[in-house]
Amino acid sequence: EAEAEPGDVEDGYALCGGGKFAVIAGPCSVES
């Protein structure tokens, strides 16, 4: 569930495009 802005989540989907904003984040590489 969306805990904070700015990423858009609706009805069980993370959305991207058409005014819906995706935030993709995490480390360059998985280490542990």
PDB file of all heavy atoms in Angstrom:
ATOM      1  N   GLU A   1       0.847  -1.180   0.000  1.00  0.00           N
ATOM      2  CA  GLU A   1       0.000   0.000   0.000  1.00  0.00           C
ATOM      3  C   GLU A   1       0.891   1.242   0.000  1.00  0.00           C
ATOM      4  O   GLU A   1       1.998   1.233   0.540  1.00  0.00           O
ATOM      5  CB  GLU A   1      -0.903   0.015   1.237  1.00  0.00           C
ATOM      6  CG  GLU A   1      -1.889  -1.138   1.295  1.00  0.00           C
ATOM      7  CD  GLU A   1      -2.894  -1.112   0.162  1.00  0.00           C
ATOM      8  OE1 GLU A   1      -3.245   0.001  -0.289  1.00  0.00           O
ATOM      9  OE2 GLU A   1      -3.305  -2.193  -0.285  1.00  0.00           O
ATOM     10  N   ALA A   2       0.413   2.314  -0.619  1.00  0.00           N
ATOM     11  CA  ALA A   2       1.192   3.549  -0.648  1.00  0.00           C
ATOM     12  C   ALA A   2       1.286   4.123   0.762  1.00  0.00           C
ATOM     13  O   ALA A   2       0.279   4.416   1.391  1.00  0.00           O
ATOM     14  CB  ALA A   2       0.538   4.547  -1.588  1.00  0.00           C
ATOM     15  N   GLU A   3       2.508   4.260   1.277  1.00  0.00           N
ATOM     16  CA  GLU A   3       2.706   4.813   2.615  1.00  0.00           C
ATOM     17  C   GLU A   3       2.944   6.314   2.574  1.00  0.00           C
ATOM     18  O   GLU A   3       2.756   7.020   3.546  1.00  0.00           O
ATOM     19  CB  GLU A   3       3.886   4.117   3.302  1.00  0.00           C
ATOM     20  CG  GLU A   3       3.638   2.636   3.579  1.00  0.00           C
ATOM     21  CD  GLU A   3       4.738   2.002   4.413  1.00  0.00           C
ATOM     22  OE1 GLU A   3       5.602   2.744   4.903  1.00  0.00           O
ATOM     23  OE2 GLU A   3       4.713   0.784   4.576  1.00  0.00           O
ATOM     24  N   ALA A   4       3.447   6.803   1.445  1.00  0.00           N
ATOM     25  CA  ALA A   4       3.746   8.223   1.311  1.00  0.00           C
ATOM     26  C   ALA A   4       3.803   8.588  -0.165  1.00  0.00           C
ATOM     27  O   ALA A   4       3.938   7.730  -1.024  1.00  0.00           O
ATOM     28  CB  ALA A   4       5.080   8.545   1.991  1.00  0.00           C
ATOM     29  N   GLU A   5       3.682   9.875  -0.445  1.00  0.00           N
ATOM     30  CA  GLU A   5       3.904  10.343  -1.812  1.00  0.00           C
ATOM     31  C   GLU A   5       5.415  10.348  -2.055  1.00  0.00           C
ATOM     32  O   GLU A   5       6.191  10.284  -1.122  1.00  0.00           O
ATOM     33  CB  GLU A   5       3.319  11.745  -1.957  1.00  0.00           C
ATOM     34  CG  GLU A   5       1.806  11.756  -1.879  1.00  0.00           C
ATOM     35  CD  GLU A   5       1.240  13.156  -2.134  1.00  0.00           C
ATOM     36  OE1 GLU A   5       2.047  14.104  -2.209  1.00  0.00           O
ATOM     37  OE2 GLU A   5       0.032  13.284  -2.247  1.00  0.00           O
ATOM     38  N   PRO A   6       5.873  10.425  -3.321  1.00  0.00           N
ATOM     39  CA  PRO A   6       5.113  10.795  -4.509  1.00  0.00           C
ATOM     40  C   PRO A   6       4.684   9.638  -5.389  1.00  0.00           C
ATOM     41  O   PRO A   6       4.050   9.845  -6.408  1.00  0.00           O
ATOM     42  CB  PRO A   6       6.107  11.684  -5.255  1.00  0.00           C
ATOM     43  CG  PRO A   6       7.429  11.072  -4.953  1.00  0.00           C
ATOM     44  CD  PRO A   6       7.326  10.557  -3.535  1.00  0.00           C
ATOM     45  N   GLY A   7       5.054   8.392  -5.075  1.00  0.00           N
ATOM     46  CA  GLY A   7       4.698   7.285  -5.955  1.00  0.00           C
ATOM     47  C   GLY A   7       3.209   7.002  -5.973  1.00  0.00           C
ATOM     48  O   GLY A   7       2.517   7.152  -4.961  1.00  0.00           O
ATOM     49  N   ASP A   8       2.695   6.571  -7.131  1.00  0.00           N
ATOM     50  CA  ASP A   8       1.266   6.318  -7.293  1.00  0.00           C
ATOM     51  C   ASP A   8       0.961   4.824  -7.250  1.00  0.00           C
ATOM     52  O   ASP A   8       1.519   4.034  -8.026  1.00  0.00           O
ATOM     53  CB  ASP A   8       0.777   6.887  -8.631  1.00  0.00           C
ATOM     54  CG  ASP A   8       0.703   8.408  -8.608  1.00  0.00           C
ATOM     55  OD1 ASP A   8       0.219   8.949  -7.599  1.00  0.00           O
ATOM     56  OD2 ASP A   8       1.138   9.045  -9.577  1.00  0.00           O
ATOM     57  N   VAL A   9       0.070   4.427  -6.357  1.00  0.00           N
ATOM     58  CA  VAL A   9      -0.406   3.050  -6.238  1.00  0.00           C
ATOM     59  C   VAL A   9      -1.920   3.087  -6.190  1.00  0.00           C
ATOM     60  O   VAL A   9      -2.504   3.843  -5.409  1.00  0.00           O
ATOM     61  CB  VAL A   9       0.143   2.364  -4.967  1.00  0.00           C
ATOM     62  CG1 VAL A   9      -0.471   0.987  -4.803  1.00  0.00           C
ATOM     63  CG2 VAL A   9       1.660   2.263  -5.016  1.00  0.00           C
ATOM     64  N   GLU A  10      -2.569   2.282  -7.040  1.00  0.00           N
ATOM     65  CA  GLU A  10      -4.032   2.224  -7.054  1.00  0.00           C
ATOM     66  C   GLU A  10      -4.493   0.793  -7.301  1.00  0.00           C
ATOM     67  O   GLU A  10      -3.979   0.124  -8.205  1.00  0.00           O
ATOM     68  CB  GLU A  10      -4.607   3.137  -8.150  1.00  0.00           C
ATOM     69  CG  GLU A  10      -4.392   4.614  -7.924  1.00  0.00           C
ATOM     70  CD  GLU A  10      -4.941   5.461  -9.068  1.00  0.00           C
ATOM     71  OE1 GLU A  10      -5.668   4.902  -9.910  1.00  0.00           O
ATOM     72  OE2 GLU A  10      -4.631   6.664  -9.127  1.00  0.00           O
ATOM     73  N   ASP A  11      -5.440   0.343  -6.493  1.00  0.00           N
ATOM     74  CA  ASP A  11      -6.108  -0.944  -6.700  1.00  0.00           C
ATOM     75  C   ASP A  11      -5.130  -2.106  -6.872  1.00  0.00           C
ATOM     76  O   ASP A  11      -5.308  -2.976  -7.718  1.00  0.00           O
ATOM     77  CB  ASP A  11      -7.028  -0.872  -7.930  1.00  0.00           C
ATOM     78  CG  ASP A  11      -8.096   0.201  -7.787  1.00  0.00           C
ATOM     79  OD1 ASP A  11      -8.576   0.399  -6.659  1.00  0.00           O
ATOM     80  OD2 ASP A  11      -8.432   0.846  -8.796  1.00  0.00           O
ATOM     81  N   GLY A  12      -4.060  -2.092  -6.085  1.00  0.00           N
ATOM     82  CA  GLY A  12      -3.116  -3.203  -6.130  1.00  0.00           C
ATOM     83  C   GLY A  12      -2.105  -3.130  -7.245  1.00  0.00           C
ATOM     84  O   GLY A  12      -1.452  -4.140  -7.562  1.00  0.00           O
ATOM     85  N   TYR A  13      -1.928  -1.943  -7.854  1.00  0.00           N
ATOM     86  CA  TYR A  13      -0.949  -1.782  -8.930  1.00  0.00           C
ATOM     87  C   TYR A  13      -0.087  -0.551  -8.676  1.00  0.00           C
ATOM     88  O   TYR A  13      -0.596   0.513  -8.303  1.00  0.00           O
ATOM     89  CB  TYR A  13      -1.635  -1.622 -10.282  1.00  0.00           C
ATOM     90  CG  TYR A  13      -2.334  -2.860 -10.769  1.00  0.00           C
ATOM     91  CD1 TYR A  13      -3.703  -3.035 -10.551  1.00  0.00           C
ATOM     92  CD2 TYR A  13      -1.645  -3.864 -11.451  1.00  0.00           C
ATOM     93  CE1 TYR A  13      -4.354  -4.170 -11.001  1.00  0.00           C
ATOM     94  CE2 TYR A  13      -2.291  -4.997 -11.906  1.00  0.00           C
ATOM     95  CZ  TYR A  13      -3.650  -5.150 -11.676  1.00  0.00           C
ATOM     96  OH  TYR A  13      -4.291  -6.280 -12.116  1.00  0.00           O
ATOM     97  N   ALA A  14       1.218  -0.682  -8.917  1.00  0.00           N
ATOM     98  CA  ALA A  14       2.106   0.464  -9.000  1.00  0.00           C
ATOM     99  C   ALA A  14       1.994   0.983 -10.425  1.00  0.00           C
ATOM    100  O   ALA A  14       2.135   0.216 -11.380  1.00  0.00           O
ATOM    101  CB  ALA A  14       3.536   0.061  -8.684  1.00  0.00           C
ATOM    102  N   LEU A  15       1.731   2.287 -10.579  1.00  0.00           N
ATOM    103  CA  LEU A  15       1.410   2.850 -11.887  1.00  0.00           C
ATOM    104  C   LEU A  15       2.545   3.718 -12.425  1.00  0.00           C
ATOM    105  O   LEU A  15       3.279   4.344 -11.665  1.00  0.00           O
ATOM    106  CB  LEU A  15       0.134   3.680 -11.792  1.00  0.00           C
ATOM    107  CG  LEU A  15      -1.104   2.965 -11.227  1.00  0.00           C
ATOM    108  CD1 LEU A  15      -2.267   3.931 -11.139  1.00  0.00           C
ATOM    109  CD2 LEU A  15      -1.462   1.759 -12.064  1.00  0.00           C
ATOM    110  N   CYS A  16       2.633   3.760 -13.752  1.00  0.00           N
ATOM    111  CA  CYS A  16       3.643   4.581 -14.413  1.00  0.00           C
ATOM    112  C   CYS A  16       3.107   5.019 -15.765  1.00  0.00           C
ATOM    113  O   CYS A  16       2.759   4.187 -16.603  1.00  0.00           O
ATOM    114  CB  CYS A  16       4.946   3.792 -14.594  1.00  0.00           C
ATOM    115  SG  CYS A  16       6.289   4.728 -15.357  1.00  0.00           S
ATOM    116  N   GLY A  17       3.011   6.351 -15.970  1.00  0.00           N
ATOM    117  CA  GLY A  17       2.545   6.877 -17.248  1.00  0.00           C
ATOM    118  C   GLY A  17       1.186   7.535 -17.136  1.00  0.00           C
ATOM    119  O   GLY A  17       0.412   7.254 -16.211  1.00  0.00           O
ATOM    120  N   GLY A  18       0.868   8.420 -18.080  1.00  0.00           N
ATOM    121  CA  GLY A  18      -0.437   9.058 -18.096  1.00  0.00           C
ATOM    122  C   GLY A  18      -0.747   9.862 -16.848  1.00  0.00           C
ATOM    123  O   GLY A  18      -1.882   9.872 -16.372  1.00  0.00           O
ATOM    124  N   GLY A  19       0.264  10.535 -16.301  1.00  0.00           N
ATOM    125  CA  GLY A  19       0.062  11.321 -15.087  1.00  0.00           C
ATOM    126  C   GLY A  19       0.328  10.555 -13.811  1.00  0.00           C
ATOM    127  O   GLY A  19       0.314  11.148 -12.728  1.00  0.00           O
ATOM    128  N   LYS A  20       0.561   9.275 -13.918  1.00  0.00           N
ATOM    129  CA  LYS A  20       0.880   8.447 -12.752  1.00  0.00           C
ATOM    130  C   LYS A  20       2.397   8.337 -12.623  1.00  0.00           C
ATOM    131  O   LYS A  20       3.090   8.044 -13.587  1.00  0.00           O
ATOM    132  CB  LYS A  20       0.251   7.059 -12.878  1.00  0.00           C
ATOM    133  CG  LYS A  20      -1.258   7.086 -13.084  1.00  0.00           C
ATOM    134  CD  LYS A  20      -1.977   7.778 -11.930  1.00  0.00           C
ATOM    135  CE  LYS A  20      -3.489   7.788 -12.130  1.00  0.00           C
ATOM    136  NZ  LYS A  20      -4.190   8.477 -11.030  1.00  0.00           N
ATOM    137  N   PHE A  21       2.887   8.550 -11.409  1.00  0.00           N
ATOM    138  CA  PHE A  21       4.327   8.682 -11.169  1.00  0.00           C
ATOM    139  C   PHE A  21       4.872   7.454 -10.460  1.00  0.00           C
ATOM    140  O   PHE A  21       4.354   7.021  -9.437  1.00  0.00           O
ATOM    141  CB  PHE A  21       4.565   9.929 -10.312  1.00  0.00           C
ATOM    142  CG  PHE A  21       5.966  10.446 -10.318  1.00  0.00           C
ATOM    143  CD1 PHE A  21       6.456  11.155 -11.399  1.00  0.00           C
ATOM    144  CD2 PHE A  21       6.801  10.243  -9.231  1.00  0.00           C
ATOM    145  CE1 PHE A  21       7.755  11.654 -11.401  1.00  0.00           C
ATOM    146  CE2 PHE A  21       8.089  10.731  -9.215  1.00  0.00           C
ATOM    147  CZ  PHE A  21       8.577  11.445 -10.302  1.00  0.00           C
ATOM    148  N   ALA A  22       5.935   6.888 -11.023  1.00  0.00           N
ATOM    149  CA  ALA A  22       6.582   5.721 -10.419  1.00  0.00           C
ATOM    150  C   ALA A  22       7.871   6.144  -9.727  1.00  0.00           C
ATOM    151  O   ALA A  22       8.625   6.969 -10.256  1.00  0.00           O
ATOM    152  CB  ALA A  22       6.893   4.674 -11.484  1.00  0.00           C
ATOM    153  N   VAL A  23       8.124   5.583  -8.566  1.00  0.00           N
ATOM    154  CA  VAL A  23       9.388   5.804  -7.868  1.00  0.00           C
ATOM    155  C   VAL A  23      10.042   4.442  -7.664  1.00  0.00           C
ATOM    156  O   VAL A  23       9.531   3.596  -6.926  1.00  0.00           O
ATOM    157  CB  VAL A  23       9.189   6.508  -6.512  1.00  0.00           C
ATOM    158  CG1 VAL A  23      10.539   6.662  -5.806  1.00  0.00           C
ATOM    159  CG2 VAL A  23       8.533   7.863  -6.696  1.00  0.00           C
ATOM    160  N   ILE A  24      11.146   4.235  -8.354  1.00  0.00           N
ATOM    161  CA  ILE A  24      11.884   2.974  -8.295  1.00  0.00           C
ATOM    162  C   ILE A  24      13.170   3.244  -7.538  1.00  0.00           C
ATOM    163  O   ILE A  24      13.959   4.108  -7.932  1.00  0.00           O
ATOM    164  CB  ILE A  24      12.197   2.457  -9.718  1.00  0.00           C
ATOM    165  CG1 ILE A  24      10.915   2.384 -10.552  1.00  0.00           C
ATOM    166  CG2 ILE A  24      12.893   1.111  -9.667  1.00  0.00           C
ATOM    167  CD1 ILE A  24      11.164   2.192 -12.036  1.00  0.00           C
ATOM    168  N   ALA A  25      13.401   2.530  -6.443  1.00  0.00           N
ATOM    169  CA  ALA A  25      14.556   2.844  -5.611  1.00  0.00           C
ATOM    170  C   ALA A  25      15.133   1.585  -4.991  1.00  0.00           C
ATOM    171  O   ALA A  25      14.435   0.600  -4.766  1.00  0.00           O
ATOM    172  CB  ALA A  25      14.162   3.848  -4.529  1.00  0.00           C
ATOM    173  N   GLY A  26      16.427   1.656  -4.702  1.00  0.00           N
ATOM    174  CA  GLY A  26      17.116   0.535  -4.085  1.00  0.00           C
ATOM    175  C   GLY A  26      18.588   0.564  -4.441  1.00  0.00           C
ATOM    176  O   GLY A  26      19.049   1.441  -5.176  1.00  0.00           O
ATOM    177  N   PRO A  27      19.345  -0.392  -3.947  1.00  0.00           N
ATOM    178  CA  PRO A  27      20.793  -0.377  -4.159  1.00  0.00           C
ATOM    179  C   PRO A  27      21.192  -0.771  -5.574  1.00  0.00           C
ATOM    180  O   PRO A  27      20.458  -1.472  -6.267  1.00  0.00           O
ATOM    181  CB  PRO A  27      21.304  -1.410  -3.148  1.00  0.00           C
ATOM    182  CG  PRO A  27      20.166  -2.368  -3.008  1.00  0.00           C
ATOM    183  CD  PRO A  27      18.921  -1.522  -3.106  1.00  0.00           C
ATOM    184  N   CYS A  28      22.372  -0.306  -5.975  1.00  0.00           N
ATOM    185  CA  CYS A  28      22.902  -0.701  -7.275  1.00  0.00           C
ATOM    186  C   CYS A  28      23.013  -2.213  -7.351  1.00  0.00           C
ATOM    187  O   CYS A  28      22.627  -2.822  -8.342  1.00  0.00           O
ATOM    188  CB  CYS A  28      24.277  -0.064  -7.485  1.00  0.00           C
ATOM    189  SG  CYS A  28      25.104  -0.584  -8.988  1.00  0.00           S
ATOM    190  N   SER A  29      23.527  -2.826  -6.284  1.00  0.00           N
ATOM    191  CA  SER A  29      23.648  -4.282  -6.264  1.00  0.00           C
ATOM    192  C   SER A  29      23.200  -4.833  -4.915  1.00  0.00           C
ATOM    193  O   SER A  29      23.362  -4.193  -3.865  1.00  0.00           O
ATOM    194  CB  SER A  29      25.089  -4.717  -6.556  1.00  0.00           C
ATOM    195  OG  SER A  29      25.967  -4.203  -5.581  1.00  0.00           O
ATOM    196  N   VAL A  30      22.609  -6.006  -4.965  1.00  0.00           N
ATOM    197  CA  VAL A  30      22.212  -6.715  -3.751  1.00  0.00           C
ATOM    198  C   VAL A  30      23.474  -7.299  -3.117  1.00  0.00           C
ATOM    199  O   VAL A  30      24.273  -7.953  -3.796  1.00  0.00           O
ATOM    200  CB  VAL A  30      21.218  -7.843  -4.078  1.00  0.00           C
ATOM    201  CG1 VAL A  30      20.807  -8.569  -2.810  1.00  0.00           C
ATOM    202  CG2 VAL A  30      20.001  -7.284  -4.807  1.00  0.00           C
ATOM    203  N   GLU A  31      23.651  -7.055  -1.816  1.00  0.00           N
ATOM    204  CA  GLU A  31      24.872  -7.502  -1.146  1.00  0.00           C
ATOM    205  C   GLU A  31      24.607  -8.499  -0.023  1.00  0.00           C
ATOM    206  O   GLU A  31      25.457  -9.344   0.279  1.00  0.00           O
ATOM    207  CB  GLU A  31      25.628  -6.293  -0.598  1.00  0.00           C
ATOM    208  CG  GLU A  31      26.065  -5.317  -1.693  1.00  0.00           C
ATOM    209  CD  GLU A  31      26.592  -4.007  -1.144  1.00  0.00           C
ATOM    210  OE1 GLU A  31      26.727  -3.884   0.095  1.00  0.00           O
ATOM    211  OE2 GLU A  31      26.861  -3.093  -1.943  1.00  0.00           O
ATOM    212  N   SER A  32      23.442  -8.395   0.613  1.00  0.00           N
ATOM    213  CA  SER A  32      23.090  -9.314   1.694  1.00  0.00           C
ATOM    214  C   SER A  32      21.595  -9.196   1.963  1.00  0.00           C
ATOM    215  O   SER A  32      20.954  -8.224   1.548  1.00  0.00           O
ATOM    216  CB  SER A  32      23.867  -8.989   2.977  1.00  0.00           C
ATOM    217  OG  SER A  32      23.436  -7.751   3.516  1.00  0.00           O
TER     218      SER A  32
END
